[in-house]
Amino acid sequence: MQIHKICIYATIIVTHSNLISNFKNAASMSEAIMANSKLPMNYGTTNKAEYHRIIKLKRRNIEK
């Protein structure tokens, strides 16, 4: 029974650390994407429709 508890705790710890590293990777990737994008400086205050309009314009420019 003690071994089962240790295995469960080890699994939880490994899973937790993997999740943390995945979130860190996702955060750094999104920061890199935002740094390379040409979004307006006030993108935090733009509404959702305006944000999607900007993204569509960027995609059109990339495809050309």
PDB file of N, CA and C in Angstrom:
ATOM      1  N   MET A   1       0.827  -1.201   0.000  1.00  0.00           N
ATOM      2  CA  MET A   1       0.000   0.000   0.000  1.00  0.00           C
ATOM      3  C   MET A   1       0.864   1.254   0.000  1.00  0.00           C
ATOM      4  N   GLN A   2       1.948   1.209   0.755  1.00  0.00           N
ATOM      5  CA  GLN A   2       2.843   2.364   0.825  1.00  0.00           C
ATOM      6  C   GLN A   2       3.477   2.650  -0.540  1.00  0.00           C
ATOM      7  N   ILE A   3       3.831   1.586  -1.260  1.00  0.00           N
ATOM      8  CA  ILE A   3       4.444   1.758  -2.585  1.00  0.00           C
ATOM      9  C   ILE A   3       3.451   2.393  -3.551  1.00  0.00           C
ATOM     10  N   HIS A   4       2.181   2.009  -3.461  1.00  0.00           N
ATOM     11  CA  HIS A   4       1.168   2.596  -4.330  1.00  0.00           C
ATOM     12  C   HIS A   4       1.042   4.088  -4.069  1.00  0.00           C
ATOM     13  N   LYS A   5       1.071   4.492  -2.808  1.00  0.00           N
ATOM     14  CA  LYS A   5       0.988   5.915  -2.474  1.00  0.00           C
ATOM     15  C   LYS A   5       2.183   6.666  -3.037  1.00  0.00           C
ATOM     16  N   ILE A   6       3.365   6.086  -2.912  1.00  0.00           N
ATOM     17  CA  ILE A   6       4.574   6.736  -3.426  1.00  0.00           C
ATOM     18  C   ILE A   6       4.487   6.876  -4.942  1.00  0.00           C
ATOM     19  N   CYS A   7       4.015   5.842  -5.625  1.00  0.00           N
ATOM     20  CA  CYS A   7       3.875   5.906  -7.083  1.00  0.00           C
ATOM     21  C   CYS A   7       2.868   6.975  -7.494  1.00  0.00           C
ATOM     22  N   ILE A   8       1.768   7.053  -6.762  1.00  0.00           N
ATOM     23  CA  ILE A   8       0.751   8.065  -7.070  1.00  0.00           C
ATOM     24  C   ILE A   8       1.321   9.459  -6.844  1.00  0.00           C
ATOM     25  N   TYR A   9       2.015   9.675  -5.723  1.00  0.00           N
ATOM     26  CA  TYR A   9       2.605  10.983  -5.458  1.00  0.00           C
ATOM     27  C   TYR A   9       3.643  11.339  -6.512  1.00  0.00           C
ATOM     28  N   ALA A  10       4.458  10.370  -6.919  1.00  0.00           N
ATOM     29  CA  ALA A  10       5.474  10.625  -7.945  1.00  0.00           C
ATOM     30  C   ALA A  10       4.816  10.995  -9.270  1.00  0.00           C
ATOM     31  N   THR A  11       3.737  10.304  -9.607  1.00  0.00           N
ATOM     32  CA  THR A  11       3.019  10.611 -10.847  1.00  0.00           C
ATOM     33  C   THR A  11       2.443  12.017 -10.801  1.00  0.00           C
ATOM     34  N   ILE A  12       1.873  12.387  -9.668  1.00  0.00           N
ATOM     35  CA  ILE A  12       1.299  13.730  -9.524  1.00  0.00           C
ATOM     36  C   ILE A  12       2.392  14.788  -9.645  1.00  0.00           C
ATOM     37  N   ILE A  13       3.523  14.565  -9.013  1.00  0.00           N
ATOM     38  CA  ILE A  13       4.613  15.547  -9.060  1.00  0.00           C
ATOM     39  C   ILE A  13       5.134  15.703 -10.489  1.00  0.00           C
ATOM     40  N   VAL A  14       5.353  14.593 -11.180  1.00  0.00           N
ATOM     41  CA  VAL A  14       5.861  14.661 -12.557  1.00  0.00           C
ATOM     42  C   VAL A  14       4.845  15.338 -13.467  1.00  0.00           C
ATOM     43  N   THR A  15       3.580  14.980 -13.326  1.00  0.00           N
ATOM     44  CA  THR A  15       2.534  15.596 -14.144  1.00  0.00           C
ATOM     45  C   THR A  15       2.461  17.083 -13.879  1.00  0.00           C
ATOM     46  N   HIS A  16       2.541  17.464 -12.620  1.00  0.00           N
ATOM     47  CA  HIS A  16       2.472  18.873 -12.255  1.00  0.00           C
ATOM     48  C   HIS A  16       3.641  19.646 -12.855  1.00  0.00           C
ATOM     49  N   SER A  17       4.842  19.101 -12.768  1.00  0.00           N
ATOM     50  CA  SER A  17       6.006  19.801 -13.315  1.00  0.00           C
ATOM     51  C   SER A  17       5.927  19.884 -14.834  1.00  0.00           C
ATOM     52  N   ASN A  18       5.391  18.846 -15.485  1.00  0.00           N
ATOM     53  CA  ASN A  18       5.215  18.898 -16.939  1.00  0.00           C
ATOM     54  C   ASN A  18       4.209  19.970 -17.332  1.00  0.00           C
ATOM     55  N   LEU A  19       3.124  20.068 -16.576  1.00  0.00           N
ATOM     56  CA  LEU A  19       2.132  21.100 -16.869  1.00  0.00           C
ATOM     57  C   LEU A  19       2.729  22.487 -16.712  1.00  0.00           C
ATOM     58  N   ILE A  20       3.511  22.680 -15.656  1.00  0.00           N
ATOM     59  CA  ILE A  20       4.131  23.987 -15.434  1.00  0.00           C
ATOM     60  C   ILE A  20       5.062  24.332 -16.589  1.00  0.00           C
ATOM     61  N   SER A  21       5.888  23.385 -17.024  1.00  0.00           N
ATOM     62  CA  SER A  21       6.804  23.675 -18.129  1.00  0.00           C
ATOM     63  C   SER A  21       6.036  23.922 -19.422  1.00  0.00           C
ATOM     64  N   ASN A  22       4.923  23.208 -19.635  1.00  0.00           N
ATOM     65  CA  ASN A  22       4.116  23.454 -20.832  1.00  0.00           C
ATOM     66  C   ASN A  22       3.530  24.852 -20.815  1.00  0.00           C
ATOM     67  N   PHE A  23       3.052  25.301 -19.654  1.00  0.00           N
ATOM     68  CA  PHE A  23       2.509  26.648 -19.567  1.00  0.00           C
ATOM     69  C   PHE A  23       3.598  27.690 -19.785  1.00  0.00           C
ATOM     70  N   LYS A  24       4.785  27.442 -19.255  1.00  0.00           N
ATOM     71  CA  LYS A  24       5.890  28.379 -19.470  1.00  0.00           C
ATOM     72  C   LYS A  24       6.250  28.447 -20.945  1.00  0.00           C
ATOM     73  N   ASN A  25       6.290  27.292 -21.620  1.00  0.00           N
ATOM     74  CA  ASN A  25       6.586  27.280 -23.054  1.00  0.00           C
ATOM     75  C   ASN A  25       5.512  28.015 -23.839  1.00  0.00           C
ATOM     76  N   ALA A  26       4.253  27.783 -23.487  1.00  0.00           N
ATOM     77  CA  ALA A  26       3.162  28.456 -24.184  1.00  0.00           C
ATOM     78  C   ALA A  26       3.225  29.957 -23.958  1.00  0.00           C
ATOM     79  N   ALA A  27       3.559  30.364 -22.738  1.00  0.00           N
ATOM     80  CA  ALA A  27       3.649  31.790 -22.445  1.00  0.00           C
ATOM     81  C   ALA A  27       4.782  32.432 -23.224  1.00  0.00           C
ATOM     82  N   SER A  28       5.939  31.778 -23.282  1.00  0.00           N
ATOM     83  CA  SER A  28       7.056  32.366 -24.015  1.00  0.00           C
ATOM     84  C   SER A  28       6.766  32.385 -25.510  1.00  0.00           C
ATOM     85  N   MET A  29       6.060  31.358 -26.017  1.00  0.00           N
ATOM     86  CA  MET A  29       5.701  31.362 -27.434  1.00  0.00           C
ATOM     87  C   MET A  29       4.734  32.488 -27.743  1.00  0.00           C
ATOM     88  N   SER A  30       3.741  32.687 -26.884  1.00  0.00           N
ATOM     89  CA  SER A  30       2.781  33.759 -27.143  1.00  0.00           C
ATOM     90  C   SER A  30       3.451  35.121 -27.019  1.00  0.00           C
ATOM     91  N   GLU A  31       4.407  35.259 -26.094  1.00  0.00           N
ATOM     92  CA  GLU A  31       5.141  36.519 -25.995  1.00  0.00           C
ATOM     93  C   GLU A  31       5.947  36.770 -27.261  1.00  0.00           C
ATOM     94  N   ALA A  32       6.566  35.727 -27.798  1.00  0.00           N
ATOM     95  CA  ALA A  32       7.346  35.882 -29.028  1.00  0.00           C
ATOM     96  C   ALA A  32       6.444  36.251 -30.200  1.00  0.00           C
ATOM     97  N   ILE A  33       5.270  35.631 -30.257  1.00  0.00           N
ATOM     98  CA  ILE A  33       4.332  35.947 -31.339  1.00  0.00           C
ATOM     99  C   ILE A  33       3.875  37.391 -31.218  1.00  0.00           C
ATOM    100  N   MET A  34       3.548  37.814 -30.002  1.00  0.00           N
ATOM    101  CA  MET A  34       3.088  39.185 -29.810  1.00  0.00           C
ATOM    102  C   MET A  34       4.203  40.178 -30.117  1.00  0.00           C
ATOM    103  N   ALA A  35       5.440  39.832 -29.806  1.00  0.00           N
ATOM    104  CA  ALA A  35       6.556  40.739 -30.072  1.00  0.00           C
ATOM    105  C   ALA A  35       6.775  40.894 -31.567  1.00  0.00           C
ATOM    106  N   ASN A  36       6.565  39.832 -32.337  1.00  0.00           N
ATOM    107  CA  ASN A  36       6.784  39.883 -33.780  1.00  0.00           C
ATOM    108  C   ASN A  36       5.575  40.400 -34.546  1.00  0.00           C
ATOM    109  N   SER A  37       4.435  40.467 -33.903  1.00  0.00           N
ATOM    110  CA  SER A  37       3.239  40.907 -34.608  1.00  0.00           C
ATOM    111  C   SER A  37       3.224  42.424 -34.718  1.00  0.00           C
ATOM    112  N   LYS A  38       2.397  42.894 -35.618  1.00  0.00           N
ATOM    113  CA  LYS A  38       2.283  44.336 -35.809  1.00  0.00           C
ATOM    114  C   LYS A  38       0.942  44.822 -35.266  1.00  0.00           C
ATOM    115  N   LEU A  39       0.580  44.317 -34.119  1.00  0.00           N
ATOM    116  CA  LEU A  39      -0.653  44.770 -33.483  1.00  0.00           C
ATOM    117  C   LEU A  39      -0.444  46.176 -32.949  1.00  0.00           C
ATOM    118  N   PRO A  40      -1.505  46.936 -32.820  1.00  0.00           N
ATOM    119  CA  PRO A  40      -1.344  48.284 -32.273  1.00  0.00           C
ATOM    120  C   PRO A  40      -0.858  48.234 -30.830  1.00  0.00           C
ATOM    121  N   MET A  41      -0.259  49.316 -30.383  1.00  0.00           N
ATOM    122  CA  MET A  41       0.279  49.352 -29.023  1.00  0.00           C
ATOM    123  C   MET A  41      -0.822  49.182 -27.984  1.00  0.00           C
ATOM    124  N   ASN A  42      -2.042  49.573 -28.326  1.00  0.00           N
ATOM    125  CA  ASN A  42      -3.148  49.480 -27.362  1.00  0.00           C
ATOM    126  C   ASN A  42      -3.976  48.224 -27.593  1.00  0.00           C
ATOM    127  N   TYR A  43      -3.331  47.126 -28.006  1.00  0.00           N
ATOM    128  CA  TYR A  43      -4.102  45.914 -28.308  1.00  0.00           C
ATOM    129  C   TYR A  43      -4.829  45.392 -27.083  1.00  0.00           C
ATOM    130  N   GLY A  44      -4.366  45.740 -25.890  1.00  0.00           N
ATOM    131  CA  GLY A  44      -5.043  45.295 -24.682  1.00  0.00           C
ATOM    132  C   GLY A  44      -6.390  45.952 -24.485  1.00  0.00           C
ATOM    133  N   THR A  45      -6.574  47.116 -25.120  1.00  0.00           N
ATOM    134  CA  THR A  45      -7.831  47.840 -24.952  1.00  0.00           C
ATOM    135  C   THR A  45      -8.735  47.728 -26.173  1.00  0.00           C
ATOM    136  N   THR A  46      -8.267  47.063 -27.240  1.00  0.00           N
ATOM    137  CA  THR A  46      -9.132  46.907 -28.411  1.00  0.00           C
ATOM    138  C   THR A  46     -10.190  45.852 -28.117  1.00  0.00           C
ATOM    139  N   ASN A  47     -11.340  46.034 -28.745  1.00  0.00           N
ATOM    140  CA  ASN A  47     -12.384  45.036 -28.522  1.00  0.00           C
ATOM    141  C   ASN A  47     -12.142  43.824 -29.414  1.00  0.00           C
ATOM    142  N   LYS A  48     -12.933  42.797 -29.227  1.00  0.00           N
ATOM    143  CA  LYS A  48     -12.698  41.522 -29.912  1.00  0.00           C
ATOM    144  C   LYS A  48     -12.853  41.664 -31.427  1.00  0.00           C
ATOM    145  N   ALA A  49     -13.849  42.403 -31.869  1.00  0.00           N
ATOM    146  CA  ALA A  49     -14.072  42.566 -33.307  1.00  0.00           C
ATOM    147  C   ALA A  49     -12.898  43.290 -33.955  1.00  0.00           C
ATOM    148  N   GLU A  50     -12.405  44.316 -33.309  1.00  0.00           N
ATOM    149  CA  GLU A  50     -11.265  45.068 -33.841  1.00  0.00           C
ATOM    150  C   GLU A  50     -10.019  44.189 -33.895  1.00  0.00           C
ATOM    151  N   TYR A  51      -9.812  43.393 -32.879  1.00  0.00           N
ATOM    152  CA  TYR A  51      -8.661  42.493 -32.840  1.00  0.00           C
ATOM    153  C   TYR A  51      -8.720  41.504 -34.009  1.00  0.00           C
ATOM    154  N   HIS A  52      -9.887  40.908 -34.256  1.00  0.00           N
ATOM    155  CA  HIS A  52     -10.022  39.942 -35.346  1.00  0.00           C
ATOM    156  C   HIS A  52      -9.885  40.622 -36.706  1.00  0.00           C
ATOM    157  N   ARG A  53     -10.320  41.873 -36.812  1.00  0.00           N
ATOM    158  CA  ARG A  53     -10.147  42.618 -38.059  1.00  0.00           C
ATOM    159  C   ARG A  53      -8.662  42.813 -38.349  1.00  0.00           C
ATOM    160  N   ILE A  54      -7.893  43.137 -37.325  1.00  0.00           N
ATOM    161  CA  ILE A  54      -6.450  43.327 -37.487  1.00  0.00           C
ATOM    162  C   ILE A  54      -5.789  42.021 -37.900  1.00  0.00           C
ATOM    163  N   ILE A  55      -6.185  40.918 -37.270  1.00  0.00           N
ATOM    164  CA  ILE A  55      -5.612  39.610 -37.605  1.00  0.00           C
ATOM    165  C   ILE A  55      -5.920  39.246 -39.057  1.00  0.00           C
ATOM    166  N   LYS A  56      -7.158  39.494 -39.508  1.00  0.00           N
ATOM    167  CA  LYS A  56      -7.512  39.197 -40.899  1.00  0.00           C
ATOM    168  C   LYS A  56      -6.667  40.014 -41.860  1.00  0.00           C
ATOM    169  N   LEU A  57      -6.474  41.295 -41.557  1.00  0.00           N
ATOM    170  CA  LEU A  57      -5.645  42.136 -42.419  1.00  0.00           C
ATOM    171  C   LEU A  57      -4.213  41.624 -42.475  1.00  0.00           C
ATOM    172  N   LYS A  58      -3.689  41.202 -41.342  1.00  0.00           N
ATOM    173  CA  LYS A  58      -2.328  40.670 -41.320  1.00  0.00           C
ATOM    174  C   LYS A  58      -2.225  39.408 -42.156  1.00  0.00           C
ATOM    175  N   ARG A  59      -3.219  38.529 -42.068  1.00  0.00           N
ATOM    176  CA  ARG A  59      -3.191  37.285 -42.842  1.00  0.00           C
ATOM    177  C   ARG A  59      -3.232  37.577 -44.335  1.00  0.00           C
ATOM    178  N   ARG A  60      -4.043  38.548 -44.741  1.00  0.00           N
ATOM    179  CA  ARG A  60      -4.110  38.910 -46.160  1.00  0.00           C
ATOM    180  C   ARG A  60      -2.760  39.417 -46.644  1.00  0.00           C
ATOM    181  N   ASN A  61      -2.093  40.215 -45.829  1.00  0.00           N
ATOM    182  CA  ASN A  61      -0.791  40.748 -46.221  1.00  0.00           C
ATOM    183  C   ASN A  61       0.249  39.646 -46.319  1.00  0.00           C
ATOM    184  N   ILE A  62       0.167  38.648 -45.452  1.00  0.00           N
ATOM    185  CA  ILE A  62       1.126  37.541 -45.487  1.00  0.00           C
ATOM    186  C   ILE A  62       0.909  36.698 -46.741  1.00  0.00           C
ATOM    187  N   GLU A  63      -0.360  36.480 -47.120  1.00  0.00           N
ATOM    188  CA  GLU A  63      -0.660  35.641 -48.277  1.00  0.00           C
ATOM    189  C   GLU A  63      -0.235  36.289 -49.583  1.00  0.00           C
ATOM    190  N   LYS A  64      -0.182  37.612 -49.643  1.00  0.00           N
ATOM    191  CA  LYS A  64       0.162  38.309 -50.894  1.00  0.00           C
ATOM    192  C   LYS A  64       1.598  38.183 -51.250  1.00  0.00           C
TER     193      LYS A  64
END
